[in-house]
Each structure stands twice: as structure tokens, then as C-alpha cells.
Amino acid sequence: MGERGGVSKASRIFRLLTLTAGALALNGCRSKAEPAPAPAPSEIQPNPMLVDQTAPGELAEGTELAFGLAIPRKLHVRFRFPDEVVANGNVPAEQLANYVRQRVRADKVETGPAKTVFTGVTVDKNPTRQLRIEVVSRRHRGTDLTVQDVTKVLPEPGLSDEERWKAKGFKPDGSPLDPTRLE
């Protein structure tokens, strides 16, 4: 009579005691040690962003320089002259303009639908040079980056106009001093 559905009352009590003992045993396996205290605020070091990590939609710096400005990795230098560097790559013009904006100080920035022009530009790596930078979107040909050195060469103080011409190898009328030594 003490059976319900084929299971005796003693059997049910035994199962209940077994389950309770098992639960208590598992609870007793927990570590008694206190968790380590949190480090003092002065010990917490900020996680610095690595140099080669970029955010989505951001261009990474490359190894080539144009008058102190690092050219993005995705761009390739097409022309390099003493006063101008032209690079091209398959990147959105807006991303390239933002890349330049983050790395230079410009007196003026003109933005249009297909072109951004930075004038009066200085770069921290070469602050003595004045640059002009253009970012131009070329349909089906990527984006061009043109960096021009527009630094004005100051005349030597104390020289007359004739002496300046002579120092450059010319007569005051613009003709060469030595016609056999033309470049």
C-alpha cells in the first residue's frame, strides 16, 4: 500500500536524500579562497592600440614617405620628382582625405564631390616644408594623392640682384654665364 506507481515511499526518500547529498557535495567543491583583490587604479595600464591596427574603413600607413607624410599601404607611388610625389590606389577618396586630415596641419581645406585640396600644409615629421596636397577621385581608376612641396626659397640676405643671378649661374638678363654648362 505504501507504493505509488510501483515506487515505495522508502525508495523515494532514499532518492531524495541521494540527490540532496550530491548537491551539497558539489557545493562543497567550490574554492574557499577569496578572489584576488582588484588592482589599484594606478596599476591598471591602458591597452595601447598597436601601430598596425586600423579601425574599419581606416587606411594603414605605409613605408613610403612624401616629404614626411606616410603614404597609405594601399597606394602605389607612380611618380616622384624633387618637388612632387604622385600616388594612386583603389581606395575611396573620402577615406584617403580623412587619412590625410588626421596626419597634417592645413591652413585651408577645400572639399568638393571629387576632389579635396589641402593648402598651407605642414607635417610633424618635416615641419620646415610647406606642402599642397590633392586627393582626387578618378572614375574607374582609383584615387590619386598628389603631394607638392611649395616651400618658398628665401633669397640670401645682403646680395644684390646681380649677385643672386650670378650665384645661380646666370647673367642679370637671364642668359647663362657659361652656355656649355647648361643642365
N, C-alpha and C. Protein backbone atom coordinates (compact mmCIF):
# COMPACT_ATOMS: atom_id res chain seq x y z
N MET A 1 0.80 -1.18 0.00
CA MET A 1 0.00 0.00 0.00
C MET A 1 0.84 1.25 0.00
N GLY A 2 2.01 1.11 0.50
CA GLY A 2 2.89 2.26 0.55
C GLY A 2 3.50 2.55 -0.80
N GLU A 3 3.11 1.85 -1.82
CA GLU A 3 3.69 2.07 -3.14
C GLU A 3 2.80 2.96 -3.97
N ARG A 4 3.38 3.82 -4.69
CA ARG A 4 2.63 4.67 -5.59
C ARG A 4 3.29 4.54 -6.96
N GLY A 5 2.58 4.03 -7.90
CA GLY A 5 3.10 3.83 -9.24
C GLY A 5 4.28 2.91 -9.25
N GLY A 6 4.35 1.95 -8.35
CA GLY A 6 5.41 0.96 -8.36
C GLY A 6 6.65 1.41 -7.62
N VAL A 7 6.68 2.59 -6.96
CA VAL A 7 7.86 3.07 -6.24
C VAL A 7 7.47 3.23 -4.77
N SER A 8 8.21 2.59 -3.86
CA SER A 8 7.88 2.64 -2.44
C SER A 8 8.29 3.99 -1.85
N LYS A 9 7.70 4.31 -0.69
CA LYS A 9 7.99 5.56 -0.01
C LYS A 9 9.45 5.60 0.43
N ALA A 10 9.98 4.49 0.88
CA ALA A 10 11.37 4.41 1.31
C ALA A 10 12.31 4.66 0.13
N SER A 11 11.94 4.15 -1.03
CA SER A 11 12.76 4.33 -2.22
C SER A 11 12.79 5.81 -2.62
N ARG A 12 11.64 6.49 -2.52
CA ARG A 12 11.58 7.91 -2.87
C ARG A 12 12.41 8.74 -1.90
N ILE A 13 12.34 8.41 -0.62
CA ILE A 13 13.13 9.13 0.39
C ILE A 13 14.61 8.91 0.14
N PHE A 14 14.99 7.67 -0.20
CA PHE A 14 16.40 7.35 -0.48
C PHE A 14 16.90 8.17 -1.66
N ARG A 15 16.10 8.27 -2.74
CA ARG A 15 16.49 9.06 -3.92
C ARG A 15 16.63 10.54 -3.56
N LEU A 16 15.68 11.04 -2.77
CA LEU A 16 15.72 12.44 -2.37
C LEU A 16 16.96 12.75 -1.54
N LEU A 17 17.29 11.85 -0.61
CA LEU A 17 18.49 12.03 0.20
C LEU A 17 19.75 11.96 -0.66
N THR A 18 19.79 11.07 -1.62
CA THR A 18 20.94 10.93 -2.51
C THR A 18 21.14 12.21 -3.33
N LEU A 19 20.07 12.74 -3.88
CA LEU A 19 20.16 13.98 -4.67
C LEU A 19 20.62 15.15 -3.80
N THR A 20 20.08 15.25 -2.59
CA THR A 20 20.46 16.33 -1.68
C THR A 20 21.93 16.23 -1.31
N ALA A 21 22.38 15.02 -1.00
CA ALA A 21 23.78 14.81 -0.64
C ALA A 21 24.69 15.16 -1.80
N GLY A 22 24.30 14.79 -3.01
CA GLY A 22 25.10 15.11 -4.20
C GLY A 22 25.20 16.61 -4.42
N ALA A 23 24.09 17.32 -4.24
CA ALA A 23 24.09 18.77 -4.42
C ALA A 23 24.98 19.44 -3.39
N LEU A 24 24.90 18.97 -2.15
CA LEU A 24 25.75 19.53 -1.10
C LEU A 24 27.22 19.23 -1.36
N ALA A 25 27.51 18.04 -1.88
CA ALA A 25 28.89 17.68 -2.17
C ALA A 25 29.46 18.57 -3.28
N LEU A 26 28.65 18.82 -4.31
CA LEU A 26 29.11 19.70 -5.39
C LEU A 26 29.34 21.11 -4.88
N ASN A 27 28.46 21.58 -4.03
CA ASN A 27 28.60 22.91 -3.46
C ASN A 27 29.85 22.99 -2.60
N GLY A 28 30.20 21.92 -1.94
CA GLY A 28 31.39 21.89 -1.09
C GLY A 28 32.68 21.87 -1.88
N CYS A 29 32.62 21.57 -3.18
CA CYS A 29 33.83 21.53 -4.01
C CYS A 29 34.30 22.93 -4.40
N ARG A 30 33.49 23.91 -4.14
CA ARG A 30 33.88 25.28 -4.50
C ARG A 30 35.09 25.70 -3.69
N SER A 31 35.90 26.55 -4.27
CA SER A 31 37.11 27.02 -3.60
C SER A 31 36.75 27.91 -2.43
N LYS A 32 37.43 27.72 -1.35
CA LYS A 32 37.20 28.53 -0.15
C LYS A 32 38.04 29.82 -0.20
N ALA A 33 39.01 29.88 -1.13
CA ALA A 33 39.91 31.03 -1.19
C ALA A 33 39.14 32.25 -1.67
N GLU A 34 39.47 33.38 -1.13
CA GLU A 34 38.87 34.64 -1.53
C GLU A 34 39.41 35.00 -2.92
N PRO A 35 38.61 35.63 -3.76
CA PRO A 35 39.14 36.06 -5.06
C PRO A 35 40.19 37.15 -4.85
N ALA A 36 41.14 37.21 -5.78
CA ALA A 36 42.21 38.20 -5.67
C ALA A 36 41.61 39.59 -5.73
N PRO A 37 42.12 40.53 -4.94
CA PRO A 37 41.57 41.88 -4.97
C PRO A 37 41.89 42.55 -6.31
N ALA A 38 41.03 43.45 -6.72
CA ALA A 38 41.24 44.18 -7.97
C ALA A 38 42.49 45.04 -7.82
N PRO A 39 43.26 45.21 -8.92
CA PRO A 39 44.46 46.03 -8.82
C PRO A 39 44.09 47.49 -8.56
N ALA A 40 45.00 48.19 -7.94
CA ALA A 40 44.80 49.61 -7.67
C ALA A 40 44.71 50.35 -9.00
N PRO A 41 43.97 51.46 -9.05
CA PRO A 41 43.83 52.19 -10.31
C PRO A 41 45.17 52.57 -10.93
N SER A 42 46.19 52.82 -10.11
CA SER A 42 47.49 53.20 -10.65
C SER A 42 48.18 52.03 -11.34
N GLU A 43 47.79 50.79 -11.00
CA GLU A 43 48.42 49.62 -11.59
C GLU A 43 47.78 49.22 -12.92
N ILE A 44 46.60 49.73 -13.21
CA ILE A 44 45.91 49.37 -14.44
C ILE A 44 46.55 50.14 -15.59
N GLN A 45 47.04 49.41 -16.57
CA GLN A 45 47.66 50.01 -17.74
C GLN A 45 46.66 50.05 -18.88
N PRO A 46 46.54 51.18 -19.58
CA PRO A 46 45.64 51.19 -20.73
C PRO A 46 46.19 50.27 -21.80
N ASN A 47 45.30 49.69 -22.56
CA ASN A 47 45.70 48.80 -23.63
C ASN A 47 45.98 49.64 -24.86
N PRO A 48 47.26 49.97 -25.14
CA PRO A 48 47.55 50.85 -26.27
C PRO A 48 47.25 50.14 -27.59
N MET A 49 46.72 50.92 -28.55
CA MET A 49 46.44 50.35 -29.86
C MET A 49 47.77 50.12 -30.57
N LEU A 50 47.94 48.98 -31.13
CA LEU A 50 49.17 48.68 -31.85
C LEU A 50 49.25 49.54 -33.10
N VAL A 51 50.46 49.79 -33.56
CA VAL A 51 50.67 50.68 -34.69
C VAL A 51 49.97 50.17 -35.95
N ASP A 52 49.98 48.86 -36.17
CA ASP A 52 49.43 48.34 -37.41
C ASP A 52 47.95 47.99 -37.32
N GLN A 53 47.28 48.34 -36.24
CA GLN A 53 45.85 48.09 -36.15
C GLN A 53 45.10 49.31 -36.66
N THR A 54 44.10 49.07 -37.49
CA THR A 54 43.28 50.15 -38.00
C THR A 54 41.82 49.83 -37.77
N ALA A 55 41.04 50.87 -37.64
CA ALA A 55 39.61 50.70 -37.47
C ALA A 55 39.00 50.38 -38.84
N PRO A 56 37.81 49.82 -38.86
CA PRO A 56 37.16 49.55 -40.15
C PRO A 56 37.01 50.84 -40.94
N GLY A 57 37.34 50.79 -42.22
CA GLY A 57 37.24 51.96 -43.07
C GLY A 57 38.40 52.92 -42.94
N GLU A 58 39.43 52.55 -42.20
CA GLU A 58 40.59 53.41 -42.00
C GLU A 58 41.78 52.84 -42.78
N LEU A 59 42.60 53.72 -43.33
CA LEU A 59 43.77 53.29 -44.10
C LEU A 59 44.99 53.18 -43.20
N ALA A 60 45.80 52.16 -43.45
CA ALA A 60 47.03 51.94 -42.66
C ALA A 60 48.19 52.68 -43.32
N GLU A 61 49.10 53.18 -42.49
CA GLU A 61 50.29 53.86 -43.01
C GLU A 61 51.19 52.87 -43.72
N GLY A 62 51.82 53.33 -44.78
CA GLY A 62 52.79 52.53 -45.49
C GLY A 62 54.20 52.94 -45.11
N THR A 63 55.17 52.41 -45.83
CA THR A 63 56.57 52.71 -45.53
C THR A 63 57.12 53.86 -46.36
N GLU A 64 56.47 54.18 -47.48
CA GLU A 64 56.97 55.26 -48.34
C GLU A 64 56.51 56.61 -47.81
N LEU A 65 57.38 57.60 -47.96
CA LEU A 65 57.09 58.96 -47.49
C LEU A 65 57.06 59.93 -48.65
N ALA A 66 56.21 60.95 -48.51
CA ALA A 66 56.18 62.07 -49.44
C ALA A 66 56.39 63.33 -48.61
N PHE A 67 57.64 63.78 -48.51
CA PHE A 67 58.01 64.98 -47.76
C PHE A 67 57.59 64.88 -46.29
N GLY A 68 57.70 63.69 -45.72
CA GLY A 68 57.37 63.48 -44.31
C GLY A 68 56.00 62.88 -44.07
N LEU A 69 55.13 62.86 -45.08
CA LEU A 69 53.80 62.26 -44.95
C LEU A 69 53.88 60.80 -45.39
N ALA A 70 53.49 59.89 -44.50
CA ALA A 70 53.48 58.46 -44.84
C ALA A 70 52.34 58.20 -45.82
N ILE A 71 52.67 57.54 -46.91
CA ILE A 71 51.67 57.20 -47.92
C ILE A 71 50.98 55.91 -47.50
N PRO A 72 49.64 55.83 -47.59
CA PRO A 72 48.94 54.62 -47.17
C PRO A 72 49.42 53.38 -47.92
N ARG A 73 49.34 52.23 -47.25
CA ARG A 73 49.79 50.96 -47.83
C ARG A 73 49.10 50.62 -49.14
N LYS A 74 47.83 50.95 -49.25
CA LYS A 74 47.06 50.58 -50.44
C LYS A 74 47.35 51.46 -51.65
N LEU A 75 48.21 52.48 -51.49
CA LEU A 75 48.57 53.34 -52.60
C LEU A 75 49.96 52.99 -53.10
N HIS A 76 50.17 53.22 -54.38
CA HIS A 76 51.47 52.95 -55.01
C HIS A 76 51.99 54.25 -55.61
N VAL A 77 53.25 54.56 -55.37
CA VAL A 77 53.85 55.78 -55.92
C VAL A 77 54.01 55.60 -57.42
N ARG A 78 53.43 56.51 -58.18
CA ARG A 78 53.51 56.46 -59.65
C ARG A 78 54.64 57.36 -60.16
N PHE A 79 54.79 58.53 -59.54
CA PHE A 79 55.82 59.49 -59.95
C PHE A 79 56.45 60.09 -58.71
N ARG A 80 57.75 60.34 -58.80
CA ARG A 80 58.47 61.01 -57.70
C ARG A 80 59.43 62.01 -58.34
N PHE A 81 59.17 63.29 -58.08
CA PHE A 81 60.00 64.38 -58.57
C PHE A 81 60.59 65.10 -57.37
N PRO A 82 61.57 65.99 -57.58
CA PRO A 82 62.16 66.71 -56.43
C PRO A 82 61.14 67.52 -55.63
N ASP A 83 60.08 68.00 -56.29
CA ASP A 83 59.11 68.83 -55.58
C ASP A 83 57.68 68.27 -55.59
N GLU A 84 57.51 67.02 -56.04
CA GLU A 84 56.15 66.45 -56.13
C GLU A 84 56.19 64.93 -56.09
N VAL A 85 55.19 64.34 -55.42
CA VAL A 85 55.02 62.89 -55.38
C VAL A 85 53.57 62.60 -55.72
N VAL A 86 53.35 61.66 -56.66
CA VAL A 86 52.00 61.27 -57.05
C VAL A 86 51.84 59.78 -56.78
N ALA A 87 50.79 59.44 -56.02
CA ALA A 87 50.49 58.04 -55.72
C ALA A 87 49.04 57.77 -56.11
N ASN A 88 48.75 56.50 -56.39
CA ASN A 88 47.41 56.11 -56.81
C ASN A 88 47.05 54.78 -56.18
N GLY A 89 45.77 54.60 -55.89
CA GLY A 89 45.32 53.32 -55.34
C GLY A 89 43.81 53.20 -55.42
N ASN A 90 43.34 51.98 -55.27
CA ASN A 90 41.91 51.71 -55.34
C ASN A 90 41.30 51.86 -53.95
N VAL A 91 41.19 53.09 -53.49
CA VAL A 91 40.59 53.41 -52.19
C VAL A 91 39.59 54.54 -52.39
N PRO A 92 38.56 54.60 -51.56
CA PRO A 92 37.61 55.71 -51.67
C PRO A 92 38.29 57.05 -51.35
N ALA A 93 37.96 58.06 -52.13
CA ALA A 93 38.57 59.39 -51.94
C ALA A 93 38.29 59.93 -50.54
N GLU A 94 37.11 59.67 -50.01
CA GLU A 94 36.77 60.17 -48.68
C GLU A 94 37.67 59.55 -47.61
N GLN A 95 37.97 58.26 -47.73
CA GLN A 95 38.87 57.61 -46.77
C GLN A 95 40.26 58.20 -46.86
N LEU A 96 40.73 58.44 -48.08
CA LEU A 96 42.07 59.00 -48.26
C LEU A 96 42.13 60.43 -47.73
N ALA A 97 41.09 61.22 -47.97
CA ALA A 97 41.06 62.59 -47.45
C ALA A 97 41.06 62.58 -45.92
N ASN A 98 40.32 61.67 -45.32
CA ASN A 98 40.32 61.56 -43.85
C ASN A 98 41.68 61.13 -43.33
N TYR A 99 42.35 60.23 -44.04
CA TYR A 99 43.70 59.79 -43.68
C TYR A 99 44.64 60.99 -43.64
N VAL A 100 44.60 61.81 -44.70
CA VAL A 100 45.46 62.99 -44.77
C VAL A 100 45.09 63.97 -43.65
N ARG A 101 43.80 64.21 -43.47
CA ARG A 101 43.31 65.16 -42.46
C ARG A 101 43.84 64.84 -41.06
N GLN A 102 43.96 63.54 -40.75
CA GLN A 102 44.43 63.12 -39.42
C GLN A 102 45.93 63.30 -39.24
N ARG A 103 46.68 63.47 -40.32
CA ARG A 103 48.14 63.46 -40.21
C ARG A 103 48.82 64.79 -40.54
N VAL A 104 48.05 65.79 -40.91
CA VAL A 104 48.66 67.07 -41.29
C VAL A 104 47.96 68.22 -40.58
N ARG A 105 48.63 69.37 -40.62
CA ARG A 105 48.02 70.62 -40.19
C ARG A 105 47.91 71.48 -41.44
N ALA A 106 46.70 71.89 -41.79
CA ALA A 106 46.49 72.66 -43.01
C ALA A 106 45.85 74.00 -42.68
N ASP A 107 46.31 75.05 -43.38
CA ASP A 107 45.70 76.37 -43.21
C ASP A 107 44.30 76.39 -43.80
N LYS A 108 44.12 75.64 -44.90
CA LYS A 108 42.84 75.66 -45.60
C LYS A 108 42.57 74.29 -46.22
N VAL A 109 41.31 73.84 -46.13
CA VAL A 109 40.89 72.58 -46.75
C VAL A 109 39.65 72.88 -47.58
N GLU A 110 39.74 72.58 -48.89
CA GLU A 110 38.60 72.76 -49.79
C GLU A 110 38.12 71.37 -50.20
N THR A 111 36.84 71.10 -49.93
CA THR A 111 36.29 69.78 -50.22
C THR A 111 35.21 69.91 -51.28
N GLY A 112 35.31 69.06 -52.30
CA GLY A 112 34.31 69.01 -53.35
C GLY A 112 33.86 67.58 -53.56
N PRO A 113 32.98 67.34 -54.54
CA PRO A 113 32.47 65.98 -54.75
C PRO A 113 33.53 64.99 -55.22
N ALA A 114 34.54 65.45 -55.93
CA ALA A 114 35.54 64.52 -56.45
C ALA A 114 36.96 64.91 -56.08
N LYS A 115 37.11 66.00 -55.32
CA LYS A 115 38.46 66.49 -55.04
C LYS A 115 38.51 67.20 -53.69
N THR A 116 39.57 66.94 -52.94
CA THR A 116 39.83 67.66 -51.69
C THR A 116 41.24 68.23 -51.79
N VAL A 117 41.37 69.53 -51.51
CA VAL A 117 42.66 70.21 -51.61
C VAL A 117 43.04 70.77 -50.24
N PHE A 118 44.24 70.42 -49.79
CA PHE A 118 44.79 70.92 -48.53
C PHE A 118 45.90 71.90 -48.89
N THR A 119 45.80 73.16 -48.43
CA THR A 119 46.84 74.14 -48.71
C THR A 119 47.44 74.64 -47.39
N GLY A 120 48.67 75.14 -47.49
CA GLY A 120 49.38 75.60 -46.30
C GLY A 120 49.61 74.47 -45.32
N VAL A 121 50.02 73.32 -45.84
CA VAL A 121 50.14 72.10 -45.04
C VAL A 121 51.53 71.97 -44.44
N THR A 122 51.58 71.54 -43.18
CA THR A 122 52.83 71.13 -42.55
C THR A 122 52.62 69.74 -41.96
N VAL A 123 53.72 68.97 -41.93
CA VAL A 123 53.71 67.62 -41.39
C VAL A 123 54.69 67.59 -40.23
N ASP A 124 54.33 66.91 -39.15
CA ASP A 124 55.20 66.86 -37.95
C ASP A 124 56.59 66.33 -38.26
N LYS A 125 56.70 65.36 -39.17
CA LYS A 125 58.00 64.76 -39.47
C LYS A 125 58.91 65.69 -40.26
N ASN A 126 58.35 66.74 -40.87
CA ASN A 126 59.13 67.67 -41.68
C ASN A 126 58.48 69.06 -41.60
N PRO A 127 58.53 69.71 -40.43
CA PRO A 127 57.77 70.95 -40.23
C PRO A 127 58.29 72.17 -40.99
N THR A 128 59.49 72.11 -41.56
CA THR A 128 60.03 73.27 -42.27
C THR A 128 59.47 73.39 -43.69
N ARG A 129 58.87 72.34 -44.19
CA ARG A 129 58.34 72.37 -45.56
C ARG A 129 56.86 72.77 -45.56
N GLN A 130 56.50 73.55 -46.57
CA GLN A 130 55.10 73.88 -46.83
C GLN A 130 54.65 73.00 -47.98
N LEU A 131 53.50 72.34 -47.79
CA LEU A 131 53.01 71.41 -48.81
C LEU A 131 51.63 71.82 -49.30
N ARG A 132 51.30 71.30 -50.47
CA ARG A 132 49.94 71.37 -51.03
C ARG A 132 49.58 69.94 -51.37
N ILE A 133 48.43 69.47 -50.88
CA ILE A 133 48.04 68.08 -51.09
C ILE A 133 46.68 68.03 -51.76
N GLU A 134 46.58 67.20 -52.81
CA GLU A 134 45.31 67.00 -53.50
C GLU A 134 44.92 65.53 -53.41
N VAL A 135 43.65 65.29 -53.13
CA VAL A 135 43.07 63.95 -53.17
C VAL A 135 41.99 64.01 -54.25
N VAL A 136 42.19 63.27 -55.34
CA VAL A 136 41.29 63.35 -56.49
C VAL A 136 40.74 61.96 -56.81
N SER A 137 39.42 61.87 -56.90
CA SER A 137 38.78 60.61 -57.28
C SER A 137 38.77 60.51 -58.80
N ARG A 138 39.31 59.41 -59.31
CA ARG A 138 39.34 59.16 -60.75
C ARG A 138 38.37 58.04 -61.06
N ARG A 139 37.38 58.31 -61.86
CA ARG A 139 36.41 57.26 -62.20
C ARG A 139 37.10 56.04 -62.77
N HIS A 140 36.81 54.92 -62.19
CA HIS A 140 37.32 53.62 -62.66
C HIS A 140 38.84 53.52 -62.62
N ARG A 141 39.52 54.51 -62.05
CA ARG A 141 40.99 54.44 -61.95
C ARG A 141 41.46 54.72 -60.53
N GLY A 142 40.60 54.55 -59.55
CA GLY A 142 41.02 54.73 -58.16
C GLY A 142 41.07 56.19 -57.75
N THR A 143 41.95 56.46 -56.81
CA THR A 143 42.09 57.80 -56.25
C THR A 143 43.56 58.21 -56.30
N ASP A 144 43.80 59.45 -56.71
CA ASP A 144 45.17 59.99 -56.77
C ASP A 144 45.45 60.81 -55.51
N LEU A 145 46.68 60.69 -55.03
CA LEU A 145 47.19 61.53 -53.95
C LEU A 145 48.40 62.27 -54.52
N THR A 146 48.32 63.60 -54.59
CA THR A 146 49.42 64.42 -55.08
C THR A 146 49.91 65.29 -53.93
N VAL A 147 51.20 65.15 -53.62
CA VAL A 147 51.81 65.94 -52.55
C VAL A 147 52.89 66.81 -53.19
N GLN A 148 52.70 68.14 -53.11
CA GLN A 148 53.65 69.08 -53.72
C GLN A 148 54.37 69.86 -52.63
N ASP A 149 55.68 70.01 -52.79
CA ASP A 149 56.48 70.85 -51.90
C ASP A 149 56.45 72.26 -52.48
N VAL A 150 55.77 73.16 -51.80
CA VAL A 150 55.65 74.54 -52.27
C VAL A 150 56.41 75.50 -51.35
N THR A 151 57.42 74.98 -50.65
CA THR A 151 58.22 75.79 -49.74
C THR A 151 58.93 76.88 -50.54
N LYS A 152 58.80 78.12 -50.09
CA LYS A 152 59.46 79.23 -50.77
C LYS A 152 60.91 79.28 -50.35
N VAL A 153 61.79 79.43 -51.32
CA VAL A 153 63.21 79.56 -51.05
C VAL A 153 63.49 81.04 -50.82
N LEU A 154 63.96 81.36 -49.64
CA LEU A 154 64.24 82.75 -49.32
C LEU A 154 65.59 83.16 -49.91
N PRO A 155 65.67 84.37 -50.46
CA PRO A 155 66.94 84.82 -51.01
C PRO A 155 67.95 85.06 -49.90
N GLU A 156 69.22 84.89 -50.26
CA GLU A 156 70.27 85.15 -49.28
C GLU A 156 70.30 86.64 -48.96
N PRO A 157 70.32 86.98 -47.68
CA PRO A 157 70.32 88.40 -47.33
C PRO A 157 71.65 89.06 -47.69
N GLY A 158 71.57 90.32 -48.07
CA GLY A 158 72.77 91.10 -48.33
C GLY A 158 73.30 90.98 -49.75
N LEU A 159 72.65 90.21 -50.63
CA LEU A 159 73.11 90.08 -52.01
C LEU A 159 72.29 90.99 -52.92
N SER A 160 72.97 91.55 -53.92
CA SER A 160 72.25 92.34 -54.92
C SER A 160 71.59 91.37 -55.90
N ASP A 161 70.70 91.90 -56.74
CA ASP A 161 70.05 91.05 -57.75
C ASP A 161 71.08 90.43 -58.69
N GLU A 162 72.09 91.22 -59.07
CA GLU A 162 73.13 90.71 -59.97
C GLU A 162 73.90 89.56 -59.32
N GLU A 163 74.21 89.69 -58.04
CA GLU A 163 74.94 88.62 -57.33
C GLU A 163 74.08 87.36 -57.19
N ARG A 164 72.77 87.52 -57.01
CA ARG A 164 71.88 86.35 -56.92
C ARG A 164 71.84 85.60 -58.24
N TRP A 165 71.72 86.35 -59.35
CA TRP A 165 71.71 85.72 -60.67
C TRP A 165 73.03 84.97 -60.89
N LYS A 166 74.12 85.61 -60.54
CA LYS A 166 75.44 85.01 -60.74
C LYS A 166 75.60 83.74 -59.91
N ALA A 167 75.07 83.73 -58.67
CA ALA A 167 75.16 82.54 -57.81
C ALA A 167 74.41 81.35 -58.42
N LYS A 168 73.39 81.64 -59.22
CA LYS A 168 72.62 80.57 -59.87
C LYS A 168 73.17 80.23 -61.26
N GLY A 169 74.21 80.96 -61.70
CA GLY A 169 74.84 80.65 -62.98
C GLY A 169 74.28 81.42 -64.16
N PHE A 170 73.66 82.57 -63.90
CA PHE A 170 73.06 83.36 -64.98
C PHE A 170 73.50 84.81 -64.91
N LYS A 171 73.36 85.49 -66.05
CA LYS A 171 73.55 86.94 -66.11
C LYS A 171 72.23 87.60 -65.71
N PRO A 172 72.25 88.87 -65.35
CA PRO A 172 71.00 89.55 -64.95
C PRO A 172 69.92 89.53 -66.03
N ASP A 173 70.29 89.36 -67.30
CA ASP A 173 69.27 89.30 -68.36
C ASP A 173 68.68 87.89 -68.51
N GLY A 174 69.17 86.91 -67.71
CA GLY A 174 68.63 85.55 -67.73
C GLY A 174 69.42 84.59 -68.61
N SER A 175 70.39 85.08 -69.34
CA SER A 175 71.20 84.19 -70.18
C SER A 175 72.26 83.51 -69.30
N PRO A 176 72.68 82.29 -69.67
CA PRO A 176 73.65 81.57 -68.84
C PRO A 176 75.03 82.21 -68.88
N LEU A 177 75.73 82.13 -67.74
CA LEU A 177 77.10 82.63 -67.67
C LEU A 177 78.00 81.78 -68.56
N ASP A 178 77.82 80.46 -68.51
CA ASP A 178 78.62 79.53 -69.30
C ASP A 178 77.67 78.65 -70.10
N PRO A 179 77.45 78.97 -71.39
CA PRO A 179 76.49 78.21 -72.20
C PRO A 179 76.85 76.73 -72.35
N THR A 180 78.09 76.35 -72.10
CA THR A 180 78.48 74.94 -72.24
C THR A 180 78.08 74.11 -71.02
N ARG A 181 77.66 74.76 -69.94
CA ARG A 181 77.31 74.04 -68.71
C ARG A 181 75.81 74.08 -68.42
N LEU A 182 75.00 74.02 -69.44
CA LEU A 182 73.55 74.00 -69.25
C LEU A 182 73.10 72.62 -68.79
N GLU A 183 72.09 72.58 -67.96
CA GLU A 183 71.56 71.29 -67.49
C GLU A 183 70.66 70.68 -68.52
